Amino acid sequence: MAASGKHHQLLLYARLFAMLRPPAFFIALLCGGLRWFAPRIPLFASELAQVLLLVVIALCSLLFLYTLVGPSLSYVQCRPTHLLVSTPLFRLAVSYARIRTVRPVRFAPPDLGWSQRRFLEPFLGMTVVSVDLKSFPLNEKLLRLWLNPYLFAGDATGFLLLTKDWMATSRDIDAHRTEWKMRNQPPPPASPLSGLR
């Protein structure tokens, strides 16, 4: 049985965490400073304000730590029997039997607003791996709740895998699919002459 392939980091999630990291850090730092100086500021001197500041510090600190760990949990990996799409909150196994084609395409989502364009700017025009599927392994509406919207192919049923090296990702998927097909193809029919001696 083939070994699992390498982790190909999903750049959309790496970008998302990189954008969330500075605000989480600075909000936690600002609230920490406010709490430190709160007794001198009438607005923040109450016990309720102190508790709220502690809650915000805790939440922003957890978010900051999560942005450090999150990118390592966001990847695509070829397993012997399926393609694993892993995100920090959701892991999806896509059987090789569902995959129709694997092809390179240009990453150019249509109708981007200002904030979407700012988020996707580093990736526009890059080559990505499009994994075209016969059908999704789960209900598409459910998948769209859990996965980044730009992970979905716009022109077909499937996923767009935006990784650092699209060629290595594509080769890895093709190699594992080929090995899976060879393991699962039916044995050739026995020759009628094989029983003769």
C-alpha atoms as a PDB file:
ATOM      1  CA  MET A   1       0.000   0.000   0.000  1.00  0.00           C
ATOM      2  CA  ALA A   2       1.295   3.478  -0.885  1.00  0.00           C
ATOM      3  CA  ALA A   3       2.494   5.730   1.886  1.00  0.00           C
ATOM      4  CA  SER A   4       0.685   8.969   2.644  1.00  0.00           C
ATOM      5  CA  GLY A   5       1.926  11.946   0.675  1.00  0.00           C
ATOM      6  CA  LYS A   6       3.382  15.159   2.060  1.00  0.00           C
ATOM      7  CA  HIS A   7       1.315  17.981   3.510  1.00  0.00           C
ATOM      8  CA  HIS A   8       0.652  20.685   0.911  1.00  0.00           C
ATOM      9  CA  GLN A   9      -0.271  23.803   2.882  1.00  0.00           C
ATOM     10  CA  LEU A  10      -3.459  25.591   1.816  1.00  0.00           C
ATOM     11  CA  LEU A  11      -2.354  29.193   1.254  1.00  0.00           C
ATOM     12  CA  LEU A  12      -5.854  30.669   1.649  1.00  0.00           C
ATOM     13  CA  TYR A  13      -5.894  29.671   5.313  1.00  0.00           C
ATOM     14  CA  ALA A  14      -2.286  30.740   5.870  1.00  0.00           C
ATOM     15  CA  ARG A  15      -3.228  34.181   4.515  1.00  0.00           C
ATOM     16  CA  LEU A  16      -6.355  34.380   6.683  1.00  0.00           C
ATOM     17  CA  PHE A  17      -4.401  33.594   9.866  1.00  0.00           C
ATOM     18  CA  ALA A  18      -1.627  36.019   8.903  1.00  0.00           C
ATOM     19  CA  MET A  19      -4.230  38.803   8.577  1.00  0.00           C
ATOM     20  CA  LEU A  20      -5.897  37.964  11.910  1.00  0.00           C
ATOM     21  CA  ARG A  21      -2.650  37.670  13.904  1.00  0.00           C
ATOM     22  CA  PRO A  22      -1.631  41.372  14.301  1.00  0.00           C
ATOM     23  CA  PRO A  23      -5.102  42.649  15.311  1.00  0.00           C
ATOM     24  CA  ALA A  24      -5.514  39.838  17.859  1.00  0.00           C
ATOM     25  CA  PHE A  25      -2.105  40.619  19.371  1.00  0.00           C
ATOM     26  CA  PHE A  26      -2.575  44.390  19.520  1.00  0.00           C
ATOM     27  CA  ILE A  27      -6.142  44.218  20.898  1.00  0.00           C
ATOM     28  CA  ALA A  28      -4.930  41.885  23.669  1.00  0.00           C
ATOM     29  CA  LEU A  29      -2.000  44.243  24.344  1.00  0.00           C
ATOM     30  CA  LEU A  30      -4.243  47.333  24.372  1.00  0.00           C
ATOM     31  CA  CYS A  31      -6.756  45.716  26.746  1.00  0.00           C
ATOM     32  CA  GLY A  32      -3.885  44.589  28.984  1.00  0.00           C
ATOM     33  CA  GLY A  33      -2.639  48.173  29.115  1.00  0.00           C
ATOM     34  CA  LEU A  34      -6.139  49.471  29.863  1.00  0.00           C
ATOM     35  CA  ARG A  35      -6.545  46.944  32.663  1.00  0.00           C
ATOM     36  CA  TRP A  36      -3.187  47.927  34.138  1.00  0.00           C
ATOM     37  CA  PHE A  37      -4.105  51.618  34.140  1.00  0.00           C
ATOM     38  CA  ALA A  38      -7.851  51.063  34.766  1.00  0.00           C
ATOM     39  CA  PRO A  39      -7.908  52.249  38.403  1.00  0.00           C
ATOM     40  CA  ARG A  40      -6.785  55.679  37.173  1.00  0.00           C
ATOM     41  CA  ILE A  41      -9.405  55.886  34.391  1.00  0.00           C
ATOM     42  CA  PRO A  42     -12.975  56.323  35.687  1.00  0.00           C
ATOM     43  CA  LEU A  43     -14.566  54.588  32.688  1.00  0.00           C
ATOM     44  CA  PHE A  44     -12.606  51.349  33.286  1.00  0.00           C
ATOM     45  CA  ALA A  45     -12.406  51.408  37.097  1.00  0.00           C
ATOM     46  CA  SER A  46     -15.596  49.395  37.747  1.00  0.00           C
ATOM     47  CA  GLU A  47     -15.498  45.690  38.490  1.00  0.00           C
ATOM     48  CA  LEU A  48     -17.601  44.909  35.385  1.00  0.00           C
ATOM     49  CA  ALA A  49     -15.158  46.791  33.135  1.00  0.00           C
ATOM     50  CA  GLN A  50     -12.266  44.843  34.714  1.00  0.00           C
ATOM     51  CA  VAL A  51     -13.999  41.514  34.002  1.00  0.00           C
ATOM     52  CA  LEU A  52     -14.838  42.528  30.419  1.00  0.00           C
ATOM     53  CA  LEU A  53     -11.244  43.552  29.787  1.00  0.00           C
ATOM     54  CA  LEU A  54     -10.050  40.185  31.146  1.00  0.00           C
ATOM     55  CA  VAL A  55     -12.479  38.355  28.850  1.00  0.00           C
ATOM     56  CA  VAL A  56     -11.304  40.319  25.795  1.00  0.00           C
ATOM     57  CA  ILE A  57      -7.642  39.729  26.733  1.00  0.00           C
ATOM     58  CA  ALA A  58      -8.270  35.988  27.099  1.00  0.00           C
ATOM     59  CA  LEU A  59     -10.209  35.697  23.827  1.00  0.00           C
ATOM     60  CA  CYS A  60      -7.718  37.727  21.793  1.00  0.00           C
ATOM     61  CA  SER A  61      -4.785  35.822  23.301  1.00  0.00           C
ATOM     62  CA  LEU A  62      -6.431  32.517  22.369  1.00  0.00           C
ATOM     63  CA  LEU A  63      -7.121  33.816  18.857  1.00  0.00           C
ATOM     64  CA  PHE A  64      -3.478  34.914  18.545  1.00  0.00           C
ATOM     65  CA  LEU A  65      -2.252  31.455  19.598  1.00  0.00           C
ATOM     66  CA  TYR A  66      -4.743  29.862  17.212  1.00  0.00           C
ATOM     67  CA  THR A  67      -3.359  31.924  14.311  1.00  0.00           C
ATOM     68  CA  LEU A  68       0.077  30.476  15.067  1.00  0.00           C
ATOM     69  CA  VAL A  69      -1.165  26.861  15.031  1.00  0.00           C
ATOM     70  CA  GLY A  70      -3.880  27.170  12.361  1.00  0.00           C
ATOM     71  CA  PRO A  71      -1.672  27.218   9.240  1.00  0.00           C
ATOM     72  CA  SER A  72      -0.104  23.866  10.140  1.00  0.00           C
ATOM     73  CA  LEU A  73      -3.617  22.352  10.369  1.00  0.00           C
ATOM     74  CA  SER A  74      -4.612  23.629   6.904  1.00  0.00           C
ATOM     75  CA  TYR A  75      -3.297  21.337   4.184  1.00  0.00           C
ATOM     76  CA  VAL A  76      -4.046  18.794   1.501  1.00  0.00           C
ATOM     77  CA  GLN A  77      -2.562  15.321   1.813  1.00  0.00           C
ATOM     78  CA  CYS A  78      -2.786  12.251  -0.397  1.00  0.00           C
ATOM     79  CA  ARG A  79      -3.600   9.157   1.622  1.00  0.00           C
ATOM     80  CA  PRO A  80      -3.561   5.618   0.160  1.00  0.00           C
ATOM     81  CA  THR A  81      -7.358   5.541  -0.279  1.00  0.00           C
ATOM     82  CA  HIS A  82      -8.392   9.198  -0.402  1.00  0.00           C
ATOM     83  CA  LEU A  83      -7.416  12.842  -0.709  1.00  0.00           C
ATOM     84  CA  LEU A  84      -7.570  14.587   2.666  1.00  0.00           C
ATOM     85  CA  VAL A  85      -8.533  18.278   2.750  1.00  0.00           C
ATOM     86  CA  SER A  86      -7.752  19.468   6.269  1.00  0.00           C
ATOM     87  CA  THR A  87      -8.715  22.812   7.798  1.00  0.00           C
ATOM     88  CA  PRO A  88      -8.502  23.814  11.479  1.00  0.00           C
ATOM     89  CA  LEU A  89     -12.213  23.135  12.067  1.00  0.00           C
ATOM     90  CA  PHE A  90     -13.044  20.538   9.411  1.00  0.00           C
ATOM     91  CA  ARG A  91     -11.399  17.537   7.732  1.00  0.00           C
ATOM     92  CA  LEU A  92     -12.793  16.127   4.501  1.00  0.00           C
ATOM     93  CA  ALA A  93     -11.850  12.800   2.897  1.00  0.00           C
ATOM     94  CA  VAL A  94     -12.392  12.688  -0.865  1.00  0.00           C
ATOM     95  CA  SER A  95     -12.249   9.173  -2.322  1.00  0.00           C
ATOM     96  CA  TYR A  96     -10.125   8.803  -5.452  1.00  0.00           C
ATOM     97  CA  ALA A  97     -13.172   7.151  -7.043  1.00  0.00           C
ATOM     98  CA  ARG A  98     -14.924  10.551  -6.957  1.00  0.00           C
ATOM     99  CA  ILE A  99     -12.114  12.390  -8.759  1.00  0.00           C
ATOM    100  CA  ARG A 100     -12.810  12.938 -12.458  1.00  0.00           C
ATOM    101  CA  THR A 101      -9.754  15.002 -13.437  1.00  0.00           C
ATOM    102  CA  VAL A 102      -6.887  16.949 -11.904  1.00  0.00           C
ATOM    103  CA  ARG A 103      -5.840  19.980 -13.937  1.00  0.00           C
ATOM    104  CA  PRO A 104      -4.013  23.295 -13.558  1.00  0.00           C
ATOM    105  CA  VAL A 105      -6.138  26.453 -13.809  1.00  0.00           C
ATOM    106  CA  ARG A 106      -5.555  30.165 -13.280  1.00  0.00           C
ATOM    107  CA  PHE A 107      -6.873  31.527  -9.986  1.00  0.00           C
ATOM    108  CA  ALA A 108      -9.161  34.394 -10.975  1.00  0.00           C
ATOM    109  CA  PRO A 109     -12.395  34.557  -8.957  1.00  0.00           C
ATOM    110  CA  PRO A 110     -14.965  36.870 -10.585  1.00  0.00           C
ATOM    111  CA  ASP A 111     -16.754  39.866  -9.041  1.00  0.00           C
ATOM    112  CA  LEU A 112     -14.477  40.572  -6.093  1.00  0.00           C
ATOM    113  CA  GLY A 113     -15.349  43.332  -3.665  1.00  0.00           C
ATOM    114  CA  TRP A 114     -12.692  45.543  -2.081  1.00  0.00           C
ATOM    115  CA  SER A 115     -12.165  43.398   1.036  1.00  0.00           C
ATOM    116  CA  GLN A 116     -12.171  40.156  -0.962  1.00  0.00           C
ATOM    117  CA  ARG A 117      -9.633  41.562  -3.418  1.00  0.00           C
ATOM    118  CA  ARG A 118      -7.408  42.681  -0.530  1.00  0.00           C
ATOM    119  CA  PHE A 119      -7.538  39.168   0.958  1.00  0.00           C
ATOM    120  CA  LEU A 120      -6.862  37.397  -2.365  1.00  0.00           C
ATOM    121  CA  GLU A 121      -4.419  39.924  -3.889  1.00  0.00           C
ATOM    122  CA  PRO A 122      -1.255  37.780  -3.442  1.00  0.00           C
ATOM    123  CA  PHE A 123      -2.874  34.832  -5.232  1.00  0.00           C
ATOM    124  CA  LEU A 124      -4.680  36.418  -8.188  1.00  0.00           C
ATOM    125  CA  GLY A 125      -3.346  34.990 -11.445  1.00  0.00           C
ATOM    126  CA  MET A 126      -1.494  32.122  -9.770  1.00  0.00           C
ATOM    127  CA  THR A 127      -1.792  28.566 -11.077  1.00  0.00           C
ATOM    128  CA  VAL A 128      -3.810  26.295  -8.802  1.00  0.00           C
ATOM    129  CA  VAL A 129      -4.799  22.637  -8.920  1.00  0.00           C
ATOM    130  CA  SER A 130      -8.432  22.076  -9.852  1.00  0.00           C
ATOM    131  CA  VAL A 131      -9.742  18.722  -8.613  1.00  0.00           C
ATOM    132  CA  ASP A 132     -12.898  18.051 -10.618  1.00  0.00           C
ATOM    133  CA  LEU A 133     -15.259  15.622  -8.909  1.00  0.00           C
ATOM    134  CA  LYS A 134     -18.124  13.423 -10.047  1.00  0.00           C
ATOM    135  CA  SER A 135     -19.922  14.589  -6.897  1.00  0.00           C
ATOM    136  CA  PHE A 136     -19.084  16.073  -3.507  1.00  0.00           C
ATOM    137  CA  PRO A 137     -18.607  13.590  -0.633  1.00  0.00           C
ATOM    138  CA  LEU A 138     -21.074  15.595   1.500  1.00  0.00           C
ATOM    139  CA  ASN A 139     -23.913  17.994   0.822  1.00  0.00           C
ATOM    140  CA  GLU A 140     -22.453  21.061  -0.917  1.00  0.00           C
ATOM    141  CA  LYS A 141     -24.322  23.521   1.336  1.00  0.00           C
ATOM    142  CA  LEU A 142     -22.813  21.859   4.411  1.00  0.00           C
ATOM    143  CA  LEU A 143     -19.336  21.972   2.863  1.00  0.00           C
ATOM    144  CA  ARG A 144     -19.701  25.666   2.073  1.00  0.00           C
ATOM    145  CA  LEU A 145     -20.501  26.330   5.744  1.00  0.00           C
ATOM    146  CA  TRP A 146     -17.195  24.800   6.850  1.00  0.00           C
ATOM    147  CA  LEU A 147     -14.761  25.509   4.008  1.00  0.00           C
ATOM    148  CA  ASN A 148     -13.373  28.730   2.569  1.00  0.00           C
ATOM    149  CA  PRO A 149     -15.585  29.799  -0.372  1.00  0.00           C
ATOM    150  CA  TYR A 150     -12.534  30.209  -2.630  1.00  0.00           C
ATOM    151  CA  LEU A 151     -11.721  26.531  -2.149  1.00  0.00           C
ATOM    152  CA  PHE A 152     -14.607  25.676  -4.488  1.00  0.00           C
ATOM    153  CA  ALA A 153     -14.197  25.587  -8.254  1.00  0.00           C
ATOM    154  CA  GLY A 154     -16.522  28.083  -9.899  1.00  0.00           C
ATOM    155  CA  ASP A 155     -16.858  26.341 -13.268  1.00  0.00           C
ATOM    156  CA  ALA A 156     -17.241  22.711 -12.121  1.00  0.00           C
ATOM    157  CA  THR A 157     -18.037  20.448  -9.173  1.00  0.00           C
ATOM    158  CA  GLY A 158     -14.764  20.292  -7.288  1.00  0.00           C
ATOM    159  CA  PHE A 159     -12.068  22.089  -5.356  1.00  0.00           C
ATOM    160  CA  LEU A 160      -9.337  24.611  -6.131  1.00  0.00           C
ATOM    161  CA  LEU A 161      -6.186  23.719  -4.201  1.00  0.00           C
ATOM    162  CA  LEU A 162      -4.012  26.800  -3.808  1.00  0.00           C
ATOM    163  CA  THR A 163      -0.613  25.570  -2.563  1.00  0.00           C
ATOM    164  CA  LYS A 164       2.979  26.827  -2.767  1.00  0.00           C
ATOM    165  CA  ASP A 165       3.927  24.312  -5.469  1.00  0.00           C
ATOM    166  CA  TRP A 166       0.963  23.400  -7.668  1.00  0.00           C
ATOM    167  CA  MET A 167       3.072  21.019  -9.754  1.00  0.00           C
ATOM    168  CA  ALA A 168       4.143  18.962  -6.719  1.00  0.00           C
ATOM    169  CA  THR A 169       0.538  18.883  -5.457  1.00  0.00           C
ATOM    170  CA  SER A 170      -0.753  17.754  -8.852  1.00  0.00           C
ATOM    171  CA  ARG A 171       1.961  15.082  -9.226  1.00  0.00           C
ATOM    172  CA  ASP A 172       1.258  13.762  -5.729  1.00  0.00           C
ATOM    173  CA  ILE A 173      -2.478  13.447  -6.410  1.00  0.00           C
ATOM    174  CA  ASP A 174      -1.919  11.816  -9.819  1.00  0.00           C
ATOM    175  CA  ALA A 175       0.600   9.314  -8.405  1.00  0.00           C
ATOM    176  CA  HIS A 176      -1.693   8.271  -5.547  1.00  0.00           C
ATOM    177  CA  ARG A 177      -4.722   8.033  -7.851  1.00  0.00           C
ATOM    178  CA  THR A 178      -2.778   5.812 -10.258  1.00  0.00           C
ATOM    179  CA  GLU A 179      -1.627   3.526  -7.432  1.00  0.00           C
ATOM    180  CA  TRP A 180      -5.178   3.390  -6.058  1.00  0.00           C
ATOM    181  CA  LYS A 181      -6.560   2.457  -9.508  1.00  0.00           C
ATOM    182  CA  MET A 182      -3.955  -0.290  -9.936  1.00  0.00           C
ATOM    183  CA  ARG A 183      -4.823  -1.775  -6.540  1.00  0.00           C
ATOM    184  CA  ASN A 184      -8.558  -1.637  -7.208  1.00  0.00           C
ATOM    185  CA  GLN A 185      -8.815  -2.721 -10.835  1.00  0.00           C
ATOM    186  CA  PRO A 186     -10.527  -6.091 -11.278  1.00  0.00           C
ATOM    187  CA  PRO A 187      -8.235  -9.037 -12.047  1.00  0.00           C
ATOM    188  CA  PRO A 188      -8.092 -10.029 -15.727  1.00  0.00           C
ATOM    189  CA  PRO A 189     -10.430 -12.889 -16.691  1.00  0.00           C
ATOM    190  CA  ALA A 190      -8.813 -16.307 -16.630  1.00  0.00           C
ATOM    191  CA  SER A 191      -7.837 -17.650 -20.053  1.00  0.00           C
ATOM    192  CA  PRO A 192      -9.784 -20.740 -21.121  1.00  0.00           C
ATOM    193  CA  LEU A 193      -6.456 -22.347 -21.986  1.00  0.00           C
ATOM    194  CA  SER A 194      -5.090 -21.882 -18.461  1.00  0.00           C
ATOM    195  CA  GLY A 195      -6.814 -25.068 -17.291  1.00  0.00           C
ATOM    196  CA  LEU A 196      -5.171 -27.198 -19.983  1.00  0.00           C
ATOM    197  CA  ARG A 197      -1.962 -29.043 -19.265  1.00  0.00           C
END
